[in-house]
Amino acid sequence: MTRETELDKLTRTKQGMRLYQQERAILDVTELICQLMDEEHVTRSVLAGRLGRSKGYVTQLLDGRANMTVRTISDVFVALGRALHFQDGALSRTVSAEPWMTIRFDQTIARARPWAEVKVQATKTVHSRLAS
């Protein structure tokens, strides 16, 4: 007999699944942004300057208090010299208590559950004028 987890209970209803997917998406994006900031040695103050916003605004974005639109997320990735790409997958395959895997190859970071078809990746933007 398999014991039902809290996650199973939450995602059993349409409303619960919707709320879970919202929170999962917010966490995925903010974790990726924080990871990229660490890799690029970009502080919240530096990111705020690049965005023309306050450090408090960046803090609100990263702790989930501010509602990030796709435009806002895109602006953050551009400020980090990255481009964001989305890919979908079956809803049922996004629900698991398994930890995230980070897969690194070349200049790309793909974050995906090992069993999922869903991935969020950030690719480093390289401009020939900047490289020379």
Protein backbone atom coordinates (compact mmCIF):
# COMPACT_ATOMS: atom_id res chain seq x y z
CA MET A 1 0.00 0.00 0.00
CA THR A 2 1.44 3.37 -1.08
CA ARG A 3 1.07 6.26 1.32
CA GLU A 4 -0.31 9.46 -0.25
CA THR A 5 2.04 12.42 0.10
CA GLU A 6 1.03 16.03 0.72
CA LEU A 7 2.05 16.75 -2.87
CA ASP A 8 -0.29 14.01 -4.11
CA LYS A 9 -3.13 15.48 -2.04
CA LEU A 10 -2.48 19.00 -3.34
CA THR A 11 -2.23 18.08 -7.01
CA ARG A 12 -5.28 15.80 -6.99
CA THR A 13 -7.63 18.75 -7.71
CA LYS A 14 -7.51 21.17 -10.65
CA GLN A 15 -7.15 24.12 -8.28
CA GLY A 16 -4.37 22.40 -6.34
CA MET A 17 -2.52 21.47 -9.52
CA ARG A 18 -2.83 25.05 -10.79
CA LEU A 19 -1.40 26.45 -7.55
CA TYR A 20 1.38 23.86 -7.49
CA GLN A 21 2.38 24.65 -11.09
CA GLN A 22 2.42 28.39 -10.35
CA GLU A 23 4.72 27.95 -7.37
CA ARG A 24 6.91 25.43 -9.20
CA ALA A 25 7.37 27.84 -12.12
CA ILE A 26 8.24 30.76 -9.82
CA LEU A 27 10.75 28.62 -7.93
CA ASP A 28 12.31 27.24 -11.14
CA VAL A 29 12.82 30.69 -12.66
CA THR A 30 14.14 32.33 -9.50
CA GLU A 31 16.52 29.43 -8.80
CA LEU A 32 17.87 29.64 -12.35
CA ILE A 33 18.32 33.42 -12.09
CA CYS A 34 20.16 33.04 -8.75
CA GLN A 35 22.36 30.31 -10.20
CA LEU A 36 23.27 32.48 -13.19
CA MET A 37 23.95 35.45 -10.93
CA ASP A 38 26.33 33.29 -8.88
CA GLU A 39 28.10 31.98 -11.97
CA GLU A 40 28.50 35.48 -13.42
CA HIS A 41 29.36 37.01 -10.00
CA VAL A 42 26.47 39.47 -10.35
CA THR A 43 25.10 40.89 -7.10
CA ARG A 44 21.54 42.07 -6.60
CA SER A 45 22.82 45.65 -6.65
CA VAL A 46 24.60 45.10 -9.97
CA LEU A 47 21.54 43.41 -11.48
CA ALA A 48 19.35 46.25 -10.22
CA GLY A 49 21.65 48.76 -11.94
CA ARG A 50 21.53 46.82 -15.20
CA LEU A 51 17.72 46.78 -15.01
CA GLY A 52 17.46 50.44 -14.00
CA ARG A 53 15.60 49.37 -10.84
CA SER A 54 16.30 49.30 -7.11
CA LYS A 55 18.00 46.50 -5.20
CA GLY A 56 14.73 46.08 -3.27
CA TYR A 57 12.88 45.42 -6.52
CA VAL A 58 15.37 42.68 -7.43
CA THR A 59 14.99 41.19 -3.95
CA GLN A 60 11.20 41.11 -4.40
CA LEU A 61 11.61 39.39 -7.77
CA LEU A 62 13.91 36.74 -6.36
CA ASP A 63 11.89 35.96 -3.23
CA GLY A 64 8.61 35.61 -5.12
CA ARG A 65 6.90 38.72 -3.73
CA ALA A 66 6.82 40.48 -7.10
CA ASN A 67 4.83 38.90 -9.91
CA MET A 68 7.29 38.39 -12.76
CA THR A 69 5.84 38.72 -16.22
CA VAL A 70 7.47 37.03 -19.19
CA ARG A 71 8.75 40.51 -20.16
CA THR A 72 10.32 40.97 -16.73
CA ILE A 73 11.93 37.54 -16.82
CA SER A 74 13.27 38.24 -20.31
CA ASP A 75 14.69 41.59 -19.13
CA VAL A 76 16.49 39.86 -16.24
CA PHE A 77 18.01 37.25 -18.55
CA VAL A 78 19.15 39.92 -21.02
CA ALA A 79 20.73 41.83 -18.10
CA LEU A 80 22.62 38.61 -17.30
CA GLY A 81 23.70 38.19 -20.95
CA ARG A 82 21.42 35.19 -21.45
CA ALA A 83 18.38 34.18 -23.46
CA LEU A 84 15.58 32.10 -21.98
CA HIS A 85 13.85 29.27 -23.87
CA PHE A 86 10.75 27.36 -22.76
CA GLN A 87 9.65 23.84 -23.56
CA ASP A 88 6.48 22.16 -22.40
CA GLY A 89 5.71 18.69 -21.14
CA ALA A 90 2.87 16.60 -19.81
CA LEU A 91 1.36 18.09 -16.65
CA SER A 92 1.50 14.77 -14.83
CA ARG A 93 5.24 14.48 -15.46
CA THR A 94 6.02 17.73 -13.61
CA VAL A 95 4.84 16.48 -10.23
CA SER A 96 7.48 14.66 -8.22
CA ALA A 97 9.38 14.98 -5.00
CA GLU A 98 12.62 14.08 -6.82
CA PRO A 99 15.34 16.74 -6.68
CA TRP A 100 16.33 18.84 -9.67
CA MET A 101 19.29 17.84 -11.80
CA THR A 102 21.51 20.42 -13.43
CA ILE A 103 22.94 19.32 -16.75
CA ARG A 104 25.83 21.37 -18.12
CA PHE A 105 27.17 21.26 -21.65
CA ASP A 106 29.18 23.91 -23.49
CA GLN A 107 27.64 27.31 -22.73
CA THR A 108 24.19 25.90 -21.96
CA ILE A 109 22.62 25.03 -18.65
CA ALA A 110 19.54 22.83 -18.82
CA ARG A 111 17.58 22.25 -15.65
CA ALA A 112 15.27 19.30 -15.80
CA ARG A 113 14.00 16.49 -13.70
CA PRO A 114 15.76 13.32 -14.84
CA TRP A 115 12.45 11.75 -15.88
CA ALA A 116 10.77 14.77 -17.44
CA GLU A 117 10.46 16.11 -20.94
CA VAL A 118 10.24 19.62 -19.48
CA LYS A 119 13.31 21.81 -19.38
CA VAL A 120 14.20 25.42 -18.85
CA GLN A 121 17.49 26.45 -20.31
CA ALA A 122 19.51 29.62 -20.41
CA THR A 123 21.95 30.11 -23.22
CA LYS A 124 24.83 32.52 -23.01
CA THR A 125 24.51 35.32 -25.53
CA VAL A 126 27.74 36.01 -27.38
CA HIS A 127 28.07 39.14 -29.49
CA SER A 128 30.94 39.26 -31.97
CA ARG A 129 31.56 42.96 -31.29
CA LEU A 130 31.99 42.27 -27.57
CA ALA A 131 34.26 39.30 -28.17
CA SER A 132 36.74 41.29 -30.26
